[in-house]
Amino acid sequence: MTTTMHAFKEVNSKLLESDIDVPVVCGGGAVTQDFVSQYELGVYCEEAEDVPKIADSILKGMDVKKLRSTFHKH
């Protein structure tokens, strides 16, 4: 993830430029909640076991703001 985390900004920007408003879930040892949260579409996932819950929430229409308030640990 260390090498790909630098592409997060570009992915976020291209999605927004294309009017694609879909949350981008990111986590792992190489990133922090603060890093992911600086991007409009970024949702941080601290525990892998939360990924299915986050995916279900996205499919149910939960927006980034609500996802962050639900799943961000701090």
PDB file of N, CA and C in Angstrom:
ATOM      1  N   MET A   1       0.813  -1.198   0.000  1.00  0.00           N
ATOM      2  CA  MET A   1       0.000   0.000   0.000  1.00  0.00           C
ATOM      3  C   MET A   1       0.854   1.258   0.000  1.00  0.00           C
ATOM      4  N   THR A   2       2.058   1.180   0.522  1.00  0.00           N
ATOM      5  CA  THR A   2       2.885   2.377   0.591  1.00  0.00           C
ATOM      6  C   THR A   2       3.072   3.008  -0.780  1.00  0.00           C
ATOM      7  N   THR A   3       3.299   2.178  -1.795  1.00  0.00           N
ATOM      8  CA  THR A   3       3.505   2.738  -3.135  1.00  0.00           C
ATOM      9  C   THR A   3       2.207   3.208  -3.773  1.00  0.00           C
ATOM     10  N   THR A   4       1.102   2.552  -3.460  1.00  0.00           N
ATOM     11  CA  THR A   4      -0.167   2.938  -4.093  1.00  0.00           C
ATOM     12  C   THR A   4      -0.881   4.067  -3.362  1.00  0.00           C
ATOM     13  N   MET A   5      -0.503   4.308  -2.117  1.00  0.00           N
ATOM     14  CA  MET A   5      -1.201   5.357  -1.375  1.00  0.00           C
ATOM     15  C   MET A   5      -1.008   6.730  -2.017  1.00  0.00           C
ATOM     16  N   HIS A   6       0.062   6.881  -2.759  1.00  0.00           N
ATOM     17  CA  HIS A   6       0.306   8.155  -3.441  1.00  0.00           C
ATOM     18  C   HIS A   6      -0.688   8.375  -4.586  1.00  0.00           C
ATOM     19  N   ALA A   7      -1.302   7.304  -5.072  1.00  0.00           N
ATOM     20  CA  ALA A   7      -2.280   7.420  -6.145  1.00  0.00           C
ATOM     21  C   ALA A   7      -3.676   7.739  -5.616  1.00  0.00           C
ATOM     22  N   PHE A   8      -3.847   7.695  -4.315  1.00  0.00           N
ATOM     23  CA  PHE A   8      -5.165   7.926  -3.730  1.00  0.00           C
ATOM     24  C   PHE A   8      -5.722   9.294  -4.118  1.00  0.00           C
ATOM     25  N   LYS A   9      -4.882  10.304  -4.094  1.00  0.00           N
ATOM     26  CA  LYS A   9      -5.310  11.656  -4.471  1.00  0.00           C
ATOM     27  C   LYS A   9      -5.806  11.680  -5.914  1.00  0.00           C
ATOM     28  N   GLU A  10      -5.079  11.027  -6.801  1.00  0.00           N
ATOM     29  CA  GLU A  10      -5.452  11.010  -8.206  1.00  0.00           C
ATOM     30  C   GLU A  10      -6.771  10.251  -8.425  1.00  0.00           C
ATOM     31  N   VAL A  11      -6.924   9.116  -7.767  1.00  0.00           N
ATOM     32  CA  VAL A  11      -8.160   8.337  -7.885  1.00  0.00           C
ATOM     33  C   VAL A  11      -9.341   9.166  -7.400  1.00  0.00           C
ATOM     34  N   ASN A  12      -9.196   9.786  -6.234  1.00  0.00           N
ATOM     35  CA  ASN A  12     -10.244  10.639  -5.675  1.00  0.00           C
ATOM     36  C   ASN A  12     -10.608  11.764  -6.653  1.00  0.00           C
ATOM     37  N   SER A  13      -9.598  12.434  -7.182  1.00  0.00           N
ATOM     38  CA  SER A  13      -9.828  13.554  -8.103  1.00  0.00           C
ATOM     39  C   SER A  13     -10.516  13.110  -9.384  1.00  0.00           C
ATOM     40  N   LYS A  14     -10.066  12.006  -9.959  1.00  0.00           N
ATOM     41  CA  LYS A  14     -10.658  11.534 -11.217  1.00  0.00           C
ATOM     42  C   LYS A  14     -12.108  11.096 -11.030  1.00  0.00           C
ATOM     43  N   LEU A  15     -12.397  10.466  -9.909  1.00  0.00           N
ATOM     44  CA  LEU A  15     -13.788  10.090  -9.638  1.00  0.00           C
ATOM     45  C   LEU A  15     -14.668  11.330  -9.540  1.00  0.00           C
ATOM     46  N   LEU A  16     -14.207  12.330  -8.802  1.00  0.00           N
ATOM     47  CA  LEU A  16     -14.985  13.563  -8.649  1.00  0.00           C
ATOM     48  C   LEU A  16     -15.146  14.298  -9.976  1.00  0.00           C
ATOM     49  N   GLU A  17     -14.074  14.353 -10.768  1.00  0.00           N
ATOM     50  CA  GLU A  17     -14.136  15.011 -12.080  1.00  0.00           C
ATOM     51  C   GLU A  17     -15.143  14.327 -12.997  1.00  0.00           C
ATOM     52  N   SER A  18     -15.327  13.022 -12.800  1.00  0.00           N
ATOM     53  CA  SER A  18     -16.244  12.243 -13.629  1.00  0.00           C
ATOM     54  C   SER A  18     -17.644  12.159 -13.022  1.00  0.00           C
ATOM     55  N   ASP A  19     -17.877  12.966 -11.976  1.00  0.00           N
ATOM     56  CA  ASP A  19     -19.168  12.961 -11.276  1.00  0.00           C
ATOM     57  C   ASP A  19     -19.536  11.580 -10.735  1.00  0.00           C
ATOM     58  N   ILE A  20     -18.519  10.839 -10.310  1.00  0.00           N
ATOM     59  CA  ILE A  20     -18.734   9.537  -9.680  1.00  0.00           C
ATOM     60  C   ILE A  20     -18.551   9.746  -8.185  1.00  0.00           C
ATOM     61  N   ASP A  21     -19.660   9.698  -7.480  1.00  0.00           N
ATOM     62  CA  ASP A  21     -19.657   9.974  -6.044  1.00  0.00           C
ATOM     63  C   ASP A  21     -19.787   8.651  -5.279  1.00  0.00           C
ATOM     64  N   VAL A  22     -18.704   7.893  -5.267  1.00  0.00           N
ATOM     65  CA  VAL A  22     -18.692   6.604  -4.592  1.00  0.00           C
ATOM     66  C   VAL A  22     -17.580   6.615  -3.536  1.00  0.00           C
ATOM     67  N   PRO A  23     -17.885   6.167  -2.328  1.00  0.00           N
ATOM     68  CA  PRO A  23     -16.848   6.146  -1.288  1.00  0.00           C
ATOM     69  C   PRO A  23     -15.690   5.229  -1.685  1.00  0.00           C
ATOM     70  N   VAL A  24     -14.490   5.641  -1.319  1.00  0.00           N
ATOM     71  CA  VAL A  24     -13.286   4.845  -1.558  1.00  0.00           C
ATOM     72  C   VAL A  24     -12.765   4.400  -0.199  1.00  0.00           C
ATOM     73  N   VAL A  25     -12.827   3.097   0.054  1.00  0.00           N
ATOM     74  CA  VAL A  25     -12.425   2.548   1.346  1.00  0.00           C
ATOM     75  C   VAL A  25     -10.948   2.216   1.294  1.00  0.00           C
ATOM     76  N   CYS A  26     -10.234   2.663   2.312  1.00  0.00           N
ATOM     77  CA  CYS A  26      -8.796   2.468   2.361  1.00  0.00           C
ATOM     78  C   CYS A  26      -8.379   2.215   3.805  1.00  0.00           C
ATOM     79  N   GLY A  27      -7.389   1.371   3.981  1.00  0.00           N
ATOM     80  CA  GLY A  27      -6.883   1.083   5.320  1.00  0.00           C
ATOM     81  C   GLY A  27      -5.576   0.331   5.231  1.00  0.00           C
ATOM     82  N   GLY A  28      -5.113  -0.126   6.360  1.00  0.00           N
ATOM     83  CA  GLY A  28      -3.861  -0.856   6.400  1.00  0.00           C
ATOM     84  C   GLY A  28      -2.793  -0.089   7.135  1.00  0.00           C
ATOM     85  N   GLY A  29      -1.691  -0.750   7.347  1.00  0.00           N
ATOM     86  CA  GLY A  29      -0.615  -0.172   8.136  1.00  0.00           C
ATOM     87  C   GLY A  29       0.051   1.050   7.537  1.00  0.00           C
ATOM     88  N   ALA A  30      -0.042   1.214   6.237  1.00  0.00           N
ATOM     89  CA  ALA A  30       0.667   2.316   5.582  1.00  0.00           C
ATOM     90  C   ALA A  30      -0.084   3.638   5.631  1.00  0.00           C
ATOM     91  N   VAL A  31      -1.386   3.599   5.952  1.00  0.00           N
ATOM     92  CA  VAL A  31      -2.168   4.824   5.965  1.00  0.00           C
ATOM     93  C   VAL A  31      -2.822   5.018   7.334  1.00  0.00           C
ATOM     94  N   THR A  32      -3.243   6.243   7.574  1.00  0.00           N
ATOM     95  CA  THR A  32      -3.934   6.568   8.815  1.00  0.00           C
ATOM     96  C   THR A  32      -5.321   7.120   8.484  1.00  0.00           C
ATOM     97  N   GLN A  33      -6.144   7.203   9.491  1.00  0.00           N
ATOM     98  CA  GLN A  33      -7.466   7.781   9.311  1.00  0.00           C
ATOM     99  C   GLN A  33      -7.352   9.229   8.844  1.00  0.00           C
ATOM    100  N   ASP A  34      -6.406   9.967   9.393  1.00  0.00           N
ATOM    101  CA  ASP A  34      -6.218  11.365   8.983  1.00  0.00           C
ATOM    102  C   ASP A  34      -5.833  11.466   7.511  1.00  0.00           C
ATOM    103  N   PHE A  35      -4.971  10.566   7.051  1.00  0.00           N
ATOM    104  CA  PHE A  35      -4.556  10.575   5.642  1.00  0.00           C
ATOM    105  C   PHE A  35      -5.759  10.343   4.735  1.00  0.00           C
ATOM    106  N   VAL A  36      -6.527   9.306   5.019  1.00  0.00           N
ATOM    107  CA  VAL A  36      -7.671   8.950   4.173  1.00  0.00           C
ATOM    108  C   VAL A  36      -8.750  10.030   4.224  1.00  0.00           C
ATOM    109  N   SER A  37      -8.961  10.607   5.389  1.00  0.00           N
ATOM    110  CA  SER A  37     -10.028  11.592   5.571  1.00  0.00           C
ATOM    111  C   SER A  37      -9.768  12.914   4.865  1.00  0.00           C
ATOM    112  N   GLN A  38      -8.549  13.156   4.446  1.00  0.00           N
ATOM    113  CA  GLN A  38      -8.280  14.418   3.754  1.00  0.00           C
ATOM    114  C   GLN A  38      -8.835  14.423   2.327  1.00  0.00           C
ATOM    115  N   TYR A  39      -9.299  13.271   1.873  1.00  0.00           N
ATOM    116  CA  TYR A  39      -9.883  13.168   0.535  1.00  0.00           C
ATOM    117  C   TYR A  39     -11.395  13.062   0.644  1.00  0.00           C
ATOM    118  N   GLU A  40     -12.085  13.781  -0.208  1.00  0.00           N
ATOM    119  CA  GLU A  40     -13.541  13.903  -0.120  1.00  0.00           C
ATOM    120  C   GLU A  40     -14.263  12.554  -0.121  1.00  0.00           C
ATOM    121  N   LEU A  41     -13.764  11.599  -0.869  1.00  0.00           N
ATOM    122  CA  LEU A  41     -14.432  10.300  -0.981  1.00  0.00           C
ATOM    123  C   LEU A  41     -13.834   9.239  -0.053  1.00  0.00           C
ATOM    124  N   GLY A  42     -12.817   9.589   0.689  1.00  0.00           N
ATOM    125  CA  GLY A  42     -12.096   8.609   1.494  1.00  0.00           C
ATOM    126  C   GLY A  42     -12.817   8.164   2.754  1.00  0.00           C
ATOM    127  N   VAL A  43     -12.863   6.860   2.953  1.00  0.00           N
ATOM    128  CA  VAL A  43     -13.400   6.257   4.166  1.00  0.00           C
ATOM    129  C   VAL A  43     -12.332   5.307   4.701  1.00  0.00           C
ATOM    130  N   TYR A  44     -11.904   5.545   5.920  1.00  0.00           N
ATOM    131  CA  TYR A  44     -10.845   4.737   6.523  1.00  0.00           C
ATOM    132  C   TYR A  44     -11.426   3.487   7.172  1.00  0.00           C
ATOM    133  N   CYS A  45     -10.761   2.386   6.984  1.00  0.00           N
ATOM    134  CA  CYS A  45     -11.170   1.128   7.603  1.00  0.00           C
ATOM    135  C   CYS A  45      -9.992   0.599   8.415  1.00  0.00           C
ATOM    136  N   GLU A  46     -10.138   0.605   9.733  1.00  0.00           N
ATOM    137  CA  GLU A  46      -9.064   0.164  10.615  1.00  0.00           C
ATOM    138  C   GLU A  46      -8.990  -1.356  10.713  1.00  0.00           C
ATOM    139  N   GLU A  47     -10.135  -2.008  10.729  1.00  0.00           N
ATOM    140  CA  GLU A  47     -10.189  -3.462  10.892  1.00  0.00           C
ATOM    141  C   GLU A  47     -10.765  -4.115   9.632  1.00  0.00           C
ATOM    142  N   ALA A  48     -10.083  -5.136   9.124  1.00  0.00           N
ATOM    143  CA  ALA A  48     -10.538  -5.821   7.911  1.00  0.00           C
ATOM    144  C   ALA A  48     -11.943  -6.385   8.073  1.00  0.00           C
ATOM    145  N   GLU A  49     -12.289  -6.764   9.275  1.00  0.00           N
ATOM    146  CA  GLU A  49     -13.620  -7.337   9.509  1.00  0.00           C
ATOM    147  C   GLU A  49     -14.738  -6.327   9.279  1.00  0.00           C
ATOM    148  N   ASP A  50     -14.406  -5.041   9.229  1.00  0.00           N
ATOM    149  CA  ASP A  50     -15.409  -4.002   8.980  1.00  0.00           C
ATOM    150  C   ASP A  50     -15.721  -3.813   7.497  1.00  0.00           C
ATOM    151  N   VAL A  51     -14.872  -4.328   6.623  1.00  0.00           N
ATOM    152  CA  VAL A  51     -15.050  -4.093   5.188  1.00  0.00           C
ATOM    153  C   VAL A  51     -16.408  -4.575   4.679  1.00  0.00           C
ATOM    154  N   PRO A  52     -16.850  -5.800   5.009  1.00  0.00           N
ATOM    155  CA  PRO A  52     -18.180  -6.200   4.527  1.00  0.00           C
ATOM    156  C   PRO A  52     -19.303  -5.295   5.053  1.00  0.00           C
ATOM    157  N   LYS A  53     -19.175  -4.833   6.292  1.00  0.00           N
ATOM    158  CA  LYS A  53     -20.192  -3.934   6.858  1.00  0.00           C
ATOM    159  C   LYS A  53     -20.194  -2.600   6.108  1.00  0.00           C
ATOM    160  N   ILE A  54     -19.006  -2.105   5.804  1.00  0.00           N
ATOM    161  CA  ILE A  54     -18.898  -0.850   5.059  1.00  0.00           C
ATOM    162  C   ILE A  54     -19.474  -1.026   3.657  1.00  0.00           C
ATOM    163  N   ALA A  55     -19.126  -2.133   2.995  1.00  0.00           N
ATOM    164  CA  ALA A  55     -19.636  -2.389   1.643  1.00  0.00           C
ATOM    165  C   ALA A  55     -21.160  -2.477   1.648  1.00  0.00           C
ATOM    166  N   ASP A  56     -21.725  -3.179   2.612  1.00  0.00           N
ATOM    167  CA  ASP A  56     -23.188  -3.260   2.716  1.00  0.00           C
ATOM    168  C   ASP A  56     -23.802  -1.874   2.916  1.00  0.00           C
ATOM    169  N   SER A  57     -23.160  -1.067   3.739  1.00  0.00           N
ATOM    170  CA  SER A  57     -23.660   0.288   3.993  1.00  0.00           C
ATOM    171  C   SER A  57     -23.611   1.142   2.731  1.00  0.00           C
ATOM    172  N   ILE A  58     -22.544   0.992   1.946  1.00  0.00           N
ATOM    173  CA  ILE A  58     -22.431   1.726   0.674  1.00  0.00           C
ATOM    174  C   ILE A  58     -23.547   1.295  -0.273  1.00  0.00           C
ATOM    175  N   LEU A  59     -23.774  -0.017  -0.363  1.00  0.00           N
ATOM    176  CA  LEU A  59     -24.826  -0.523  -1.251  1.00  0.00           C
ATOM    177  C   LEU A  59     -26.210  -0.056  -0.823  1.00  0.00           C
ATOM    178  N   LYS A  60     -26.378   0.214   0.463  1.00  0.00           N
ATOM    179  CA  LYS A  60     -27.656   0.712   0.976  1.00  0.00           C
ATOM    180  C   LYS A  60     -27.782   2.227   0.822  1.00  0.00           C
ATOM    181  N   GLY A  61     -26.732   2.874   0.272  1.00  0.00           N
ATOM    182  CA  GLY A  61     -26.802   4.298  -0.022  1.00  0.00           C
ATOM    183  C   GLY A  61     -26.206   5.226   1.021  1.00  0.00           C
ATOM    184  N   MET A  62     -25.491   4.674   1.998  1.00  0.00           N
ATOM    185  CA  MET A  62     -24.893   5.530   3.020  1.00  0.00           C
ATOM    186  C   MET A  62     -23.810   6.400   2.386  1.00  0.00           C
ATOM    187  N   ASP A  63     -23.838   7.704   2.670  1.00  0.00           N
ATOM    188  CA  ASP A  63     -22.845   8.610   2.098  1.00  0.00           C
ATOM    189  C   ASP A  63     -21.568   8.630   2.939  1.00  0.00           C
ATOM    190  N   VAL A  64     -20.556   9.305   2.414  1.00  0.00           N
ATOM    191  CA  VAL A  64     -19.238   9.336   3.049  1.00  0.00           C
ATOM    192  C   VAL A  64     -19.319   9.897   4.466  1.00  0.00           C
ATOM    193  N   LYS A  65     -20.063  10.959   4.647  1.00  0.00           N
ATOM    194  CA  LYS A  65     -20.161  11.579   5.974  1.00  0.00           C
ATOM    195  C   LYS A  65     -20.706  10.592   7.004  1.00  0.00           C
ATOM    196  N   LYS A  66     -21.757   9.897   6.657  1.00  0.00           N
ATOM    197  CA  LYS A  66     -22.360   8.923   7.572  1.00  0.00           C
ATOM    198  C   LYS A  66     -21.431   7.720   7.764  1.00  0.00           C
ATOM    199  N   LEU A  67     -20.771   7.277   6.695  1.00  0.00           N
ATOM    200  CA  LEU A  67     -19.821   6.169   6.818  1.00  0.00           C
ATOM    201  C   LEU A  67     -18.711   6.516   7.797  1.00  0.00           C
ATOM    202  N   ARG A  68     -18.215   7.740   7.670  1.00  0.00           N
ATOM    203  CA  ARG A  68     -17.138   8.165   8.576  1.00  0.00           C
ATOM    204  C   ARG A  68     -17.624   8.205  10.021  1.00  0.00           C
ATOM    205  N   SER A  69     -18.822   8.726  10.245  1.00  0.00           N
ATOM    206  CA  SER A  69     -19.303   8.815  11.620  1.00  0.00           C
ATOM    207  C   SER A  69     -19.587   7.432  12.200  1.00  0.00           C
ATOM    208  N   THR A  70     -19.889   6.486  11.362  1.00  0.00           N
ATOM    209  CA  THR A  70     -20.187   5.135  11.808  1.00  0.00           C
ATOM    210  C   THR A  70     -18.945   4.290  12.007  1.00  0.00           C
ATOM    211  N   PHE A  71     -17.984   4.392  11.087  1.00  0.00           N
ATOM    212  CA  PHE A  71     -16.863   3.450  11.082  1.00  0.00           C
ATOM    213  C   PHE A  71     -15.518   4.010  11.518  1.00  0.00           C
ATOM    214  N   HIS A  72     -15.345   5.329  11.495  1.00  0.00           N
ATOM    215  CA  HIS A  72     -14.052   5.860  11.942  1.00  0.00           C
ATOM    216  C   HIS A  72     -13.954   5.704  13.451  1.00  0.00           C
ATOM    217  N   LYS A  73     -12.825   5.196  13.884  1.00  0.00           N
ATOM    218  CA  LYS A  73     -12.650   4.841  15.303  1.00  0.00           C
ATOM    219  C   LYS A  73     -12.280   6.030  16.179  1.00  0.00           C
ATOM    220  N   HIS A  74     -11.671   7.060  15.618  1.00  0.00           N
ATOM    221  CA  HIS A  74     -11.278   8.211  16.435  1.00  0.00           C
ATOM    222  C   HIS A  74     -11.389   9.498  15.659  1.00  0.00           C
TER     223      HIS A  74
END
